[in-house]
Amino acid sequence: MSNSRLSRPACSFAALGCLLGTLFCSSPLVAQIEGLRTRIPSDANAVVVIDVEKLFGSPVADRERWEAKREAAFNAGVTFLSPNTQGVVIAAKLDLEYGKTLWELAQVRLAEDGNIARVATRYGGKSDMIDGRQAVQLPNDSIVVELNPQMFAAYVPANRQEVARWLRATDEVPVESPLSPYLQRGLDYVDKMGTPIIMAVDLRHFLSADEIAERLRRSPLAQSIGDQLDPIVETLAGIEGAMIGITVGERPFGSIRVDFKGSAAALDGLGKPMILQALTNQGAMIEDVREWEASTKDNTLKLSGPLSTSGLRRILSVLELPPALGRALQDAEQDLADNPESLTRIATQQFYTAVTGLLDDLKAQRRRQDMATPGSVAMWYEKYAKKIDNLPILNVDEEMLMYGRDVSQLLRGGGSSLKAVGMRSATRQGENQPSGGAAVYSSYNSYYPSGSYSDYGPVGGYRSGYAVDLYAGARQKGRSDAIIRQQERTRGAASAQQMWQQIDTQSADIRRAMTQKYEVEF
């Protein structure tokens, strides 16, 4: 779990969010995903569900006016949870070995009827009929399908044949759940807890015991593991899966649990560092998790604690649906008869609002991110660059599109610079060796006649001062390594600051140019 390849798919997908209720449950969660749960493909190894109404109907949501802020955040592109969305189910098949998504299926249930024709119009898609259902093939390698007027799905990649097979395979409700035993266990868990946000990933048979042992020997936790390697490897080799869930009452509360075939007792004291290391390796660390309490009980390792609204916002900001599902369906009633000039102006204003809204949200997180690793900050820069890339571009002014492209490239460049901090630090620390060891070694040699006493008891012959010098050298290297790390972090921070200055300048310039061009405020 401490190795990046072991944790990458689980951690990145866990950032997505939540799970399903049981097939025959009558809880509010199931009501919101009625008809969606039975369409999860049988070969999925990761499932996410969000009960949107329960999330936004919580006491903390009322107190902090989430519903009032929801539309503004949606319009700014910060979240895909439009005011029209009631429930979300995301399923995927992950290549756990290489950290890739083979396919992903996102489904939404809306409070009001959507309009798939609007999807084709707004996103430059091609209308289609697949297995008797209206569909749209989009330029971003996805296919949107209308399951019924209030239920839509997006399948990635845009493989028309696979979409048709999926529809035929799930048109009839199965007698038994087609999901893996671990994902089905997750459904039972959600049923009992009523959790509005939860995710489950099936990790069975991911790595062999030998592979896990080798990765642990190379991990930063190797020294802490010590002679407990064998029982820890045996436990990790029996991993069944991982879940992360969020409940919302007076305040958000999060929990990460990892389930094993056998007892999790071998991970006492090491489970939390392993999870934190896995999240850090992926740049997916949320600072709240560092304060969570760890526990092991029977076959489960659990990490639980309060989640700040900032942390919850960051989790929701990672949850992404294809823009067509989140936005175009919301615009079903929008008048399409506007003249071309009005369409360009409106689309350009919306694009600018979305980009600057994303930037404002990212800036608001910088104070917390300064406490995280450079890799974690880099991950968020890249996530938001991807969000900008996925914004609707139909009818948007060409100059505004160039601005969005430039901002996206600047964020990616800033992320690359921050990622390089760790690599440069590691290289310099590897080259950093204490000097003067041999000279000091020889100068400390002294002779003790037989029967004499050294610092450690009776000796005869020479006593070397090398051990003393070794510790001094280690302390010297530790101090200089710390200086190297600070230098590289400062260098990375300066690069990020320069990036933000460039973004602010370009944002001001494009706002001025567009306001003058269209004679309306941007």
Protein backbone atom coordinates (compact mmCIF):
# COMPACT_ATOMS: atom_id res chain seq x y z
CA MET A 1 0.00 0.00 0.00
CA SER A 2 2.92 2.34 0.41
CA ASN A 3 4.02 1.88 -3.18
CA SER A 4 2.56 4.16 -5.81
CA ARG A 5 1.64 1.36 -8.19
CA LEU A 6 -0.13 -0.47 -5.42
CA SER A 7 -2.22 2.54 -4.47
CA ARG A 8 -2.58 4.75 -7.53
CA PRO A 9 -5.88 3.49 -8.96
CA ALA A 10 -7.53 3.14 -5.56
CA CYS A 11 -6.46 6.57 -4.37
CA SER A 12 -7.26 8.46 -7.54
CA PHE A 13 -10.67 6.79 -7.86
CA ALA A 14 -11.30 7.19 -4.15
CA ALA A 15 -11.01 10.87 -4.73
CA LEU A 16 -14.12 10.41 -6.87
CA GLY A 17 -16.40 9.58 -4.09
CA CYS A 18 -19.21 7.10 -3.18
CA LEU A 19 -21.20 3.89 -3.39
CA LEU A 20 -24.53 2.22 -4.08
CA GLY A 21 -27.33 0.91 -1.84
CA THR A 22 -28.31 -2.76 -1.95
CA LEU A 23 -30.37 -3.99 -4.88
CA PHE A 24 -33.56 -4.46 -2.85
CA CYS A 25 -33.10 -1.62 -0.35
CA SER A 26 -35.78 1.06 0.01
CA SER A 27 -33.52 3.72 1.55
CA PRO A 28 -33.51 7.35 0.28
CA LEU A 29 -30.19 6.65 -1.46
CA VAL A 30 -31.68 3.88 -3.57
CA ALA A 31 -34.66 6.08 -4.41
CA GLN A 32 -32.32 8.62 -5.96
CA ILE A 33 -30.44 6.04 -8.02
CA GLU A 34 -33.44 3.90 -8.95
CA GLY A 35 -32.74 2.35 -12.34
CA LEU A 36 -29.05 3.29 -12.26
CA ARG A 37 -27.78 0.59 -9.89
CA THR A 38 -28.88 -2.30 -12.09
CA ARG A 39 -26.91 -0.92 -15.06
CA ILE A 40 -23.48 -1.28 -13.46
CA PRO A 41 -21.48 -3.60 -15.76
CA SER A 42 -20.50 -6.92 -14.21
CA ASP A 43 -16.76 -6.45 -14.86
CA ALA A 44 -16.55 -3.18 -12.90
CA ASN A 45 -13.97 -3.17 -10.11
CA ALA A 46 -14.73 0.33 -8.81
CA VAL A 47 -18.08 1.96 -8.06
CA VAL A 48 -19.01 5.45 -6.88
CA VAL A 49 -22.41 6.83 -5.81
CA ILE A 50 -23.60 10.18 -4.54
CA ASP A 51 -27.01 10.85 -3.01
CA VAL A 52 -27.03 14.54 -3.94
CA GLU A 53 -30.27 15.42 -2.17
CA LYS A 54 -29.11 13.89 1.09
CA LEU A 55 -25.77 15.65 0.79
CA PHE A 56 -27.32 19.08 0.28
CA GLY A 57 -30.13 18.43 2.77
CA SER A 58 -27.75 17.97 5.73
CA PRO A 59 -27.51 20.33 8.72
CA VAL A 60 -24.05 21.51 7.72
CA ALA A 61 -25.34 22.25 4.19
CA ASP A 62 -28.20 24.33 5.65
CA ARG A 63 -25.89 26.16 8.05
CA GLU A 64 -23.33 27.02 5.40
CA ARG A 65 -25.87 27.64 2.63
CA TRP A 66 -24.49 25.00 0.27
CA GLU A 67 -27.65 24.98 -1.82
CA ALA A 68 -27.45 28.73 -2.41
CA LYS A 69 -23.80 28.40 -3.38
CA ARG A 70 -24.37 25.27 -5.46
CA GLU A 71 -25.58 26.95 -8.62
CA ALA A 72 -22.79 29.53 -8.50
CA ALA A 73 -20.19 26.79 -8.04
CA PHE A 74 -21.77 24.79 -10.86
CA ASN A 75 -21.86 27.78 -13.19
CA ALA A 76 -18.21 28.46 -12.37
CA GLY A 77 -17.29 24.90 -13.29
CA VAL A 78 -16.13 24.08 -9.74
CA THR A 79 -18.52 21.11 -9.42
CA PHE A 80 -20.52 18.95 -11.80
CA LEU A 81 -23.42 18.71 -9.29
CA SER A 82 -25.98 20.89 -11.03
CA PRO A 83 -29.14 21.99 -9.18
CA ASN A 84 -31.01 19.49 -11.39
CA THR A 85 -28.97 16.46 -10.26
CA GLN A 86 -30.47 14.07 -7.69
CA GLY A 87 -28.21 11.04 -7.82
CA VAL A 88 -24.95 9.95 -9.43
CA VAL A 89 -23.47 6.51 -10.06
CA ILE A 90 -20.00 6.10 -11.56
CA ALA A 91 -18.54 2.69 -12.37
CA ALA A 92 -15.19 1.85 -13.92
CA LYS A 93 -12.87 -0.96 -14.81
CA LEU A 94 -9.37 -0.04 -13.67
CA ASP A 95 -6.11 -1.53 -14.80
CA LEU A 96 -4.67 -1.70 -11.30
CA GLU A 97 -1.20 -2.69 -12.48
CA TYR A 98 -0.62 0.39 -14.63
CA GLY A 99 -3.06 2.85 -13.08
CA LYS A 100 -5.23 3.29 -16.18
CA THR A 101 -8.99 3.37 -16.66
CA LEU A 102 -10.11 0.88 -19.31
CA TRP A 103 -13.67 2.18 -19.37
CA GLU A 104 -15.83 4.47 -17.27
CA LEU A 105 -19.60 4.75 -17.07
CA ALA A 106 -21.20 7.80 -15.44
CA GLN A 107 -24.95 7.87 -14.82
CA VAL A 108 -27.15 10.66 -13.45
CA ARG A 109 -30.73 10.96 -12.32
CA LEU A 110 -32.25 14.41 -12.82
CA ALA A 111 -35.10 16.14 -10.98
CA GLU A 112 -36.54 17.41 -14.29
CA ASP A 113 -36.47 16.14 -17.86
CA GLY A 114 -33.26 16.69 -19.78
CA ASN A 115 -32.87 17.18 -23.50
CA ILE A 116 -30.22 15.14 -25.29
CA ALA A 117 -30.61 17.25 -28.44
CA ARG A 118 -29.18 20.11 -26.40
CA VAL A 119 -26.07 18.03 -25.74
CA ALA A 120 -25.40 17.66 -29.46
CA THR A 121 -26.02 21.35 -30.12
CA ARG A 122 -23.90 22.75 -27.33
CA TYR A 123 -20.96 20.37 -27.53
CA GLY A 124 -20.71 19.92 -31.27
CA GLY A 125 -21.73 16.27 -30.99
CA LYS A 126 -23.24 13.92 -33.54
CA SER A 127 -26.78 12.65 -32.91
CA ASP A 128 -27.21 8.89 -33.08
CA MET A 129 -29.52 5.98 -32.23
CA ILE A 130 -27.96 3.06 -30.32
CA ASP A 131 -30.05 -0.02 -29.66
CA GLY A 132 -33.25 2.02 -30.01
CA ARG A 133 -32.11 4.85 -27.71
CA GLN A 134 -31.22 8.42 -28.52
CA ALA A 135 -27.51 9.08 -28.15
CA VAL A 136 -24.83 11.65 -28.94
CA GLN A 137 -21.23 10.96 -29.89
CA LEU A 138 -19.05 13.77 -28.52
CA PRO A 139 -15.63 14.97 -29.69
CA ASN A 140 -14.11 14.18 -26.27
CA ASP A 141 -14.32 10.41 -26.89
CA SER A 142 -17.56 9.82 -24.98
CA ILE A 143 -21.08 8.76 -25.87
CA VAL A 144 -24.10 10.16 -24.01
CA VAL A 145 -27.22 7.99 -23.96
CA GLU A 146 -30.75 8.87 -22.86
CA LEU A 147 -32.03 6.00 -20.68
CA ASN A 148 -35.27 7.87 -20.04
CA PRO A 149 -36.13 11.61 -19.92
CA GLN A 150 -34.66 11.93 -16.40
CA MET A 151 -31.83 9.40 -16.60
CA PHE A 152 -28.71 9.81 -18.74
CA ALA A 153 -25.39 8.03 -19.02
CA ALA A 154 -21.99 8.78 -20.55
CA TYR A 155 -19.63 5.99 -21.61
CA VAL A 156 -15.89 6.48 -22.17
CA PRO A 157 -14.29 5.59 -24.56
CA ALA A 158 -16.79 6.27 -27.35
CA ASN A 159 -17.03 2.66 -28.49
CA ARG A 160 -20.46 2.38 -30.07
CA GLN A 161 -20.47 -1.42 -30.09
CA GLU A 162 -19.56 -1.63 -26.40
CA VAL A 163 -22.31 0.84 -25.50
CA ALA A 164 -24.87 -1.27 -27.39
CA ARG A 165 -23.68 -4.42 -25.61
CA TRP A 166 -23.88 -2.69 -22.24
CA LEU A 167 -27.45 -1.53 -22.92
CA ARG A 168 -28.59 -4.99 -24.01
CA ALA A 169 -26.87 -6.69 -21.07
CA THR A 170 -28.50 -4.41 -18.49
CA ASP A 171 -31.98 -3.96 -19.98
CA GLU A 172 -33.27 -6.76 -17.77
CA VAL A 173 -32.90 -6.55 -14.00
CA PRO A 174 -30.70 -9.47 -12.86
CA VAL A 175 -31.94 -11.89 -10.22
CA GLU A 176 -28.63 -11.55 -8.36
CA SER A 177 -26.14 -8.72 -8.26
CA PRO A 178 -23.55 -9.06 -11.04
CA LEU A 179 -20.94 -7.20 -8.99
CA SER A 180 -17.88 -8.71 -7.33
CA PRO A 181 -18.32 -9.93 -3.72
CA TYR A 182 -16.36 -6.97 -2.36
CA LEU A 183 -18.36 -4.35 -4.24
CA GLN A 184 -21.54 -6.11 -3.15
CA ARG A 185 -20.26 -5.96 0.44
CA GLY A 186 -19.88 -2.25 -0.11
CA LEU A 187 -23.51 -2.05 -1.12
CA ASP A 188 -24.51 -3.73 2.12
CA TYR A 189 -22.29 -1.33 4.06
CA VAL A 190 -23.94 1.67 2.44
CA ASP A 191 -27.37 0.26 3.16
CA LYS A 192 -26.63 0.01 6.88
CA MET A 193 -24.88 3.36 7.24
CA GLY A 194 -26.94 5.47 4.85
CA THR A 195 -23.75 7.17 3.68
CA PRO A 196 -24.40 9.79 0.96
CA ILE A 197 -20.86 9.68 -0.45
CA ILE A 198 -18.82 6.49 -0.64
CA MET A 199 -16.53 4.61 -3.04
CA ALA A 200 -15.39 0.98 -3.21
CA VAL A 201 -12.52 -0.56 -5.17
CA ASP A 202 -12.01 -4.32 -5.48
CA LEU A 203 -8.26 -5.00 -4.94
CA ARG A 204 -8.23 -8.80 -4.74
CA HIS A 205 -5.34 -10.59 -6.48
CA PHE A 206 -3.67 -7.26 -7.29
CA LEU A 207 -0.09 -8.11 -6.28
CA SER A 208 1.68 -11.27 -5.15
CA ALA A 209 3.31 -11.55 -1.73
CA ASP A 210 6.77 -11.33 -3.31
CA GLU A 211 5.91 -8.11 -5.14
CA ILE A 212 4.47 -6.56 -1.97
CA ALA A 213 7.57 -7.54 0.05
CA GLU A 214 9.89 -5.98 -2.51
CA ARG A 215 7.95 -2.73 -2.56
CA LEU A 216 7.85 -2.54 1.22
CA ARG A 217 11.62 -3.04 1.43
CA ARG A 218 12.06 0.00 -0.85
CA SER A 219 9.44 2.13 0.88
CA PRO A 220 10.13 4.96 3.35
CA LEU A 221 8.45 2.79 6.01
CA ALA A 222 10.97 -0.05 5.71
CA GLN A 223 12.79 0.90 8.92
CA SER A 224 9.53 1.09 10.89
CA ILE A 225 8.49 -2.34 9.61
CA GLY A 226 11.68 -3.98 10.85
CA ASP A 227 11.32 -7.68 11.59
CA GLN A 228 7.54 -7.53 11.13
CA LEU A 229 7.82 -7.74 7.34
CA ASP A 230 6.53 -11.30 6.97
CA PRO A 231 3.23 -10.90 8.90
CA ILE A 232 2.61 -7.51 7.24
CA VAL A 233 3.18 -8.98 3.77
CA GLU A 234 0.85 -11.88 4.59
CA THR A 235 -1.86 -9.40 5.62
CA LEU A 236 -1.45 -7.13 2.58
CA ALA A 237 -1.38 -10.08 0.17
CA GLY A 238 -4.89 -10.90 1.40
CA ILE A 239 -6.29 -7.44 0.65
CA GLU A 240 -9.87 -7.56 -0.62
CA GLY A 241 -10.59 -3.91 -1.25
CA ALA A 242 -10.78 -0.35 -0.01
CA MET A 243 -13.62 2.07 0.62
CA ILE A 244 -13.89 5.72 1.49
CA GLY A 245 -17.11 7.21 2.76
CA ILE A 246 -18.33 10.63 3.86
CA THR A 247 -21.31 11.32 6.08
CA VAL A 248 -22.79 14.77 6.61
CA GLY A 249 -24.55 15.81 9.78
CA GLU A 250 -23.60 18.88 11.78
CA ARG A 251 -20.27 18.63 9.97
CA PRO A 252 -18.73 16.29 7.37
CA PHE A 253 -17.10 13.13 8.68
CA GLY A 254 -14.85 10.86 6.63
CA SER A 255 -13.70 7.27 6.89
CA ILE A 256 -11.22 5.17 4.93
CA ARG A 257 -11.40 1.42 5.43
CA VAL A 258 -9.26 -1.36 3.97
CA ASP A 259 -10.51 -4.94 4.24
CA PHE A 260 -8.39 -8.11 4.28
CA LYS A 261 -9.01 -11.82 4.05
CA GLY A 262 -7.30 -12.40 7.40
CA SER A 263 -6.72 -10.43 10.59
CA ALA A 264 -5.48 -6.82 10.24
CA ALA A 265 -3.71 -6.93 13.63
CA ALA A 266 -0.25 -6.93 11.99
CA LEU A 267 -0.95 -3.36 10.80
CA ASP A 268 -1.40 -1.91 14.30
CA GLY A 269 0.67 1.27 14.43
CA LEU A 270 1.67 1.02 10.77
CA GLY A 271 -1.71 1.19 9.02
CA LYS A 272 -2.06 4.96 9.23
CA PRO A 273 1.48 5.73 7.97
CA MET A 274 0.90 3.32 5.09
CA ILE A 275 -2.35 5.02 4.05
CA LEU A 276 -0.82 8.49 4.38
CA GLN A 277 2.19 7.38 2.33
CA ALA A 278 -0.09 5.96 -0.37
CA LEU A 279 -2.10 9.20 -0.56
CA THR A 280 1.07 11.30 -0.61
CA ASN A 281 2.56 9.18 -3.40
CA GLN A 282 -0.48 9.99 -5.53
CA GLY A 283 -0.57 13.70 -4.69
CA ALA A 284 -4.07 12.99 -3.34
CA MET A 285 -3.46 13.92 0.28
CA ILE A 286 -6.15 15.96 2.03
CA GLU A 287 -4.63 17.47 5.16
CA ASP A 288 -7.60 16.56 7.37
CA VAL A 289 -6.66 12.88 7.04
CA ARG A 290 -3.42 13.41 8.97
CA GLU A 291 -5.48 14.03 12.12
CA TRP A 292 -7.81 11.06 11.71
CA GLU A 293 -7.76 8.20 14.19
CA ALA A 294 -6.57 4.77 13.07
CA SER A 295 -7.90 1.46 14.34
CA THR A 296 -7.85 -2.22 13.45
CA LYS A 297 -10.69 -4.57 14.22
CA ASP A 298 -10.96 -8.13 12.96
CA ASN A 299 -10.13 -7.98 9.24
CA THR A 300 -10.42 -4.22 8.81
CA LEU A 301 -8.05 -1.26 9.04
CA LYS A 302 -9.92 2.00 9.43
CA LEU A 303 -8.96 5.68 9.45
CA SER A 304 -11.72 8.08 10.51
CA GLY A 305 -12.20 11.68 11.58
CA PRO A 306 -13.79 15.08 10.91
CA LEU A 307 -13.61 16.50 7.41
CA SER A 308 -13.46 20.25 6.92
CA THR A 309 -15.76 21.87 4.38
CA SER A 310 -12.58 22.78 2.52
CA GLY A 311 -11.58 19.12 2.41
CA LEU A 312 -15.05 18.08 1.27
CA ARG A 313 -14.97 20.74 -1.45
CA ARG A 314 -11.67 19.38 -2.68
CA ILE A 315 -13.09 15.85 -2.88
CA LEU A 316 -16.14 17.09 -4.77
CA SER A 317 -13.92 19.15 -7.08
CA VAL A 318 -12.17 15.95 -8.15
CA LEU A 319 -15.46 14.22 -8.91
CA GLU A 320 -16.01 14.81 -12.59
CA LEU A 321 -18.72 13.88 -15.04
CA PRO A 322 -18.50 14.58 -18.74
CA PRO A 323 -19.59 18.24 -19.07
CA ALA A 324 -22.53 17.17 -21.22
CA LEU A 325 -24.09 15.32 -18.28
CA GLY A 326 -23.51 18.09 -15.80
CA ARG A 327 -24.29 21.21 -17.78
CA ALA A 328 -26.01 20.70 -21.10
CA LEU A 329 -28.88 18.72 -19.58
CA GLN A 330 -29.44 21.63 -17.22
CA ASP A 331 -29.91 23.93 -20.21
CA ALA A 332 -32.74 21.99 -21.83
CA GLU A 333 -35.06 24.98 -21.80
CA GLN A 334 -32.56 27.52 -23.08
CA ASP A 335 -33.67 29.33 -26.20
CA LEU A 336 -31.64 28.14 -29.18
CA ALA A 337 -32.92 30.86 -31.51
CA ASP A 338 -30.47 33.53 -30.36
CA ASN A 339 -28.66 35.30 -33.15
CA PRO A 340 -25.03 34.24 -33.75
CA GLU A 341 -23.59 37.36 -32.13
CA SER A 342 -25.62 36.82 -28.96
CA LEU A 343 -24.67 33.15 -28.85
CA THR A 344 -20.97 34.04 -29.10
CA ARG A 345 -21.23 36.68 -26.41
CA ILE A 346 -23.14 34.41 -24.01
CA ALA A 347 -20.88 31.42 -24.61
CA THR A 348 -17.78 33.60 -24.17
CA GLN A 349 -19.07 35.09 -20.93
CA GLN A 350 -19.87 31.63 -19.58
CA PHE A 351 -16.43 30.35 -20.53
CA TYR A 352 -14.69 33.28 -18.82
CA THR A 353 -16.84 32.88 -15.69
CA ALA A 354 -16.06 29.17 -15.57
CA VAL A 355 -12.28 29.65 -15.93
CA THR A 356 -12.02 32.45 -13.38
CA GLY A 357 -14.31 30.55 -11.01
CA LEU A 358 -12.01 27.55 -11.15
CA LEU A 359 -8.99 29.77 -10.58
CA ASP A 360 -10.64 31.44 -7.58
CA ASP A 361 -11.41 28.05 -6.06
CA LEU A 362 -7.84 26.91 -6.62
CA LYS A 363 -6.45 30.08 -5.05
CA ALA A 364 -8.68 29.61 -2.00
CA GLN A 365 -6.99 26.27 -1.38
CA ARG A 366 -3.43 27.58 -1.61
CA ARG A 367 -3.09 28.31 2.11
CA ARG A 368 -3.87 24.68 2.97
CA GLN A 369 -1.88 23.32 0.06
CA ASP A 370 1.22 25.17 1.26
CA MET A 371 1.26 22.65 4.10
CA ALA A 372 1.09 19.71 1.70
CA THR A 373 3.77 18.17 -0.44
CA PRO A 374 4.71 19.82 -3.77
CA GLY A 375 3.39 16.69 -5.49
CA SER A 376 -0.02 17.18 -3.88
CA VAL A 377 -0.22 20.79 -5.03
CA ALA A 378 0.87 19.70 -8.52
CA MET A 379 -1.96 17.17 -8.64
CA TRP A 380 -4.55 19.90 -7.99
CA TYR A 381 -3.04 22.16 -10.64
CA GLU A 382 -3.32 19.36 -13.19
CA LYS A 383 -6.88 18.51 -12.12
CA TYR A 384 -8.01 22.09 -12.66
CA ALA A 385 -6.14 22.33 -15.96
CA LYS A 386 -8.14 19.30 -17.10
CA LYS A 387 -11.37 20.97 -15.96
CA ILE A 388 -10.55 24.00 -18.10
CA ASP A 389 -9.75 21.75 -21.08
CA ASN A 390 -13.19 20.11 -20.71
CA LEU A 391 -15.22 23.34 -20.67
CA PRO A 392 -17.70 23.82 -23.55
CA ILE A 393 -16.09 25.65 -26.48
CA LEU A 394 -18.96 25.88 -28.99
CA ASN A 395 -19.53 29.53 -30.05
CA VAL A 396 -16.79 30.79 -27.69
CA ASP A 397 -14.70 33.70 -29.00
CA GLU A 398 -11.38 32.47 -30.43
CA GLU A 399 -9.38 34.93 -28.33
CA MET A 400 -11.09 33.65 -25.19
CA LEU A 401 -10.30 30.05 -26.18
CA MET A 402 -6.62 30.99 -26.51
CA TYR A 403 -6.79 32.48 -23.00
CA GLY A 404 -8.24 29.23 -21.62
CA ARG A 405 -5.57 27.22 -23.42
CA ASP A 406 -2.81 29.45 -22.03
CA VAL A 407 -4.14 29.20 -18.45
CA SER A 408 -4.37 25.42 -18.74
CA GLN A 409 -0.78 25.23 -20.01
CA LEU A 410 0.45 27.51 -17.23
CA LEU A 411 -1.20 25.31 -14.59
CA ARG A 412 0.33 22.20 -16.09
CA GLY A 413 3.72 23.91 -16.26
CA GLY A 414 3.41 24.93 -12.62
CA GLY A 415 2.48 21.36 -11.73
CA SER A 416 5.49 20.00 -13.58
CA SER A 417 7.80 22.43 -11.77
CA LEU A 418 6.44 21.31 -8.40
CA LYS A 419 6.78 17.64 -9.31
CA ALA A 420 10.42 18.30 -10.18
CA VAL A 421 11.04 19.52 -6.61
CA GLY A 422 11.07 15.96 -5.27
CA MET A 423 13.23 14.64 -8.09
CA ARG A 424 15.80 17.41 -7.74
CA SER A 425 15.86 16.98 -3.96
CA ALA A 426 16.41 13.23 -4.25
CA THR A 427 19.22 13.68 -6.78
CA ARG A 428 21.03 16.32 -4.75
CA GLN A 429 20.63 14.37 -1.50
CA GLY A 430 22.03 11.27 -3.18
CA GLU A 431 25.10 13.23 -4.24
CA ASN A 432 25.42 14.83 -0.82
CA GLN A 433 28.06 12.93 1.18
CA PRO A 434 29.78 14.09 4.39
CA SER A 435 33.45 14.95 3.94
CA GLY A 436 36.54 14.17 6.03
CA GLY A 437 35.54 10.70 7.26
CA ALA A 438 38.84 8.88 6.55
CA ALA A 439 41.04 11.58 8.06
CA VAL A 440 39.00 11.75 11.23
CA TYR A 441 38.89 7.97 11.35
CA SER A 442 42.70 7.62 11.50
CA SER A 443 43.14 10.47 13.95
CA TYR A 444 40.82 8.77 16.45
CA ASN A 445 42.69 5.45 16.57
CA SER A 446 44.17 4.74 20.03
CA TYR A 447 45.80 1.76 21.76
CA TYR A 448 44.48 0.06 24.88
CA PRO A 449 46.72 -2.55 26.53
CA SER A 450 45.13 -5.83 27.44
CA GLY A 451 43.17 -5.46 30.66
CA SER A 452 42.50 -1.77 30.11
CA TYR A 453 39.01 -0.33 30.00
CA SER A 454 37.54 1.52 27.09
CA ASP A 455 34.25 3.40 27.19
CA TYR A 456 32.52 0.06 26.70
CA GLY A 457 34.46 -2.28 29.08
CA PRO A 458 37.74 -4.27 29.13
CA VAL A 459 39.61 -4.37 25.82
CA GLY A 460 43.01 -5.16 24.39
CA GLY A 461 44.42 -3.58 21.22
CA TYR A 462 43.24 -0.67 19.14
CA ARG A 463 39.91 1.16 19.60
CA SER A 464 38.69 3.13 16.62
CA GLY A 465 36.88 6.44 16.68
CA TYR A 466 35.13 5.58 13.40
CA ALA A 467 31.74 4.99 15.02
CA VAL A 468 31.83 8.45 16.56
CA ASP A 469 32.69 9.95 13.17
CA LEU A 470 29.91 7.97 11.49
CA TYR A 471 27.26 9.54 13.68
CA ALA A 472 28.74 12.98 13.19
CA GLY A 473 28.69 12.44 9.43
CA ALA A 474 25.06 11.29 9.55
CA ARG A 475 24.08 14.41 11.50
CA GLN A 476 25.94 16.58 9.04
CA LYS A 477 24.21 14.90 6.10
CA GLY A 478 20.82 15.24 7.79
CA ARG A 479 21.33 18.98 8.26
CA SER A 480 22.53 19.53 4.71
CA ASP A 481 19.74 17.35 3.29
CA ALA A 482 17.20 19.51 5.13
CA ILE A 483 18.78 22.60 3.58
CA ILE A 484 18.56 20.99 0.12
CA ARG A 485 14.89 20.17 0.61
CA GLN A 486 14.12 23.70 1.75
CA GLN A 487 16.04 25.19 -1.17
CA GLU A 488 14.12 23.08 -3.68
CA ARG A 489 10.76 23.82 -2.05
CA THR A 490 11.58 27.54 -2.15
CA ARG A 491 12.52 27.20 -5.80
CA GLY A 492 9.24 25.43 -6.53
CA ALA A 493 7.23 28.04 -4.60
CA ALA A 494 8.90 30.84 -6.57
CA SER A 495 7.99 29.10 -9.83
CA ALA A 496 4.36 28.73 -8.68
CA GLN A 497 4.23 32.40 -7.67
CA GLN A 498 5.48 33.41 -11.10
CA MET A 499 2.82 31.19 -12.68
CA TRP A 500 0.05 32.91 -10.71
CA GLN A 501 1.34 36.35 -11.66
CA GLN A 502 1.18 35.38 -15.33
CA ILE A 503 -2.35 33.99 -14.93
CA ASP A 504 -3.56 37.14 -13.14
CA THR A 505 -2.10 39.34 -15.85
CA GLN A 506 -3.67 37.32 -18.66
CA SER A 507 -7.04 37.24 -16.86
CA ALA A 508 -7.06 41.02 -16.51
CA ASP A 509 -6.03 41.48 -20.14
CA ILE A 510 -8.71 39.18 -21.57
CA ARG A 511 -11.40 40.72 -19.37
CA ARG A 512 -10.51 44.18 -20.66
CA ALA A 513 -10.38 43.03 -24.29
CA MET A 514 -13.71 41.16 -24.17
CA THR A 515 -15.50 43.96 -22.35
CA GLN A 516 -14.42 46.41 -25.04
CA LYS A 517 -15.27 44.00 -27.87
CA TYR A 518 -18.78 43.04 -26.74
CA GLU A 519 -19.60 46.17 -24.70
CA VAL A 520 -20.76 44.13 -21.71
CA GLU A 521 -19.06 43.40 -18.41
CA PHE A 522 -16.98 40.24 -18.14
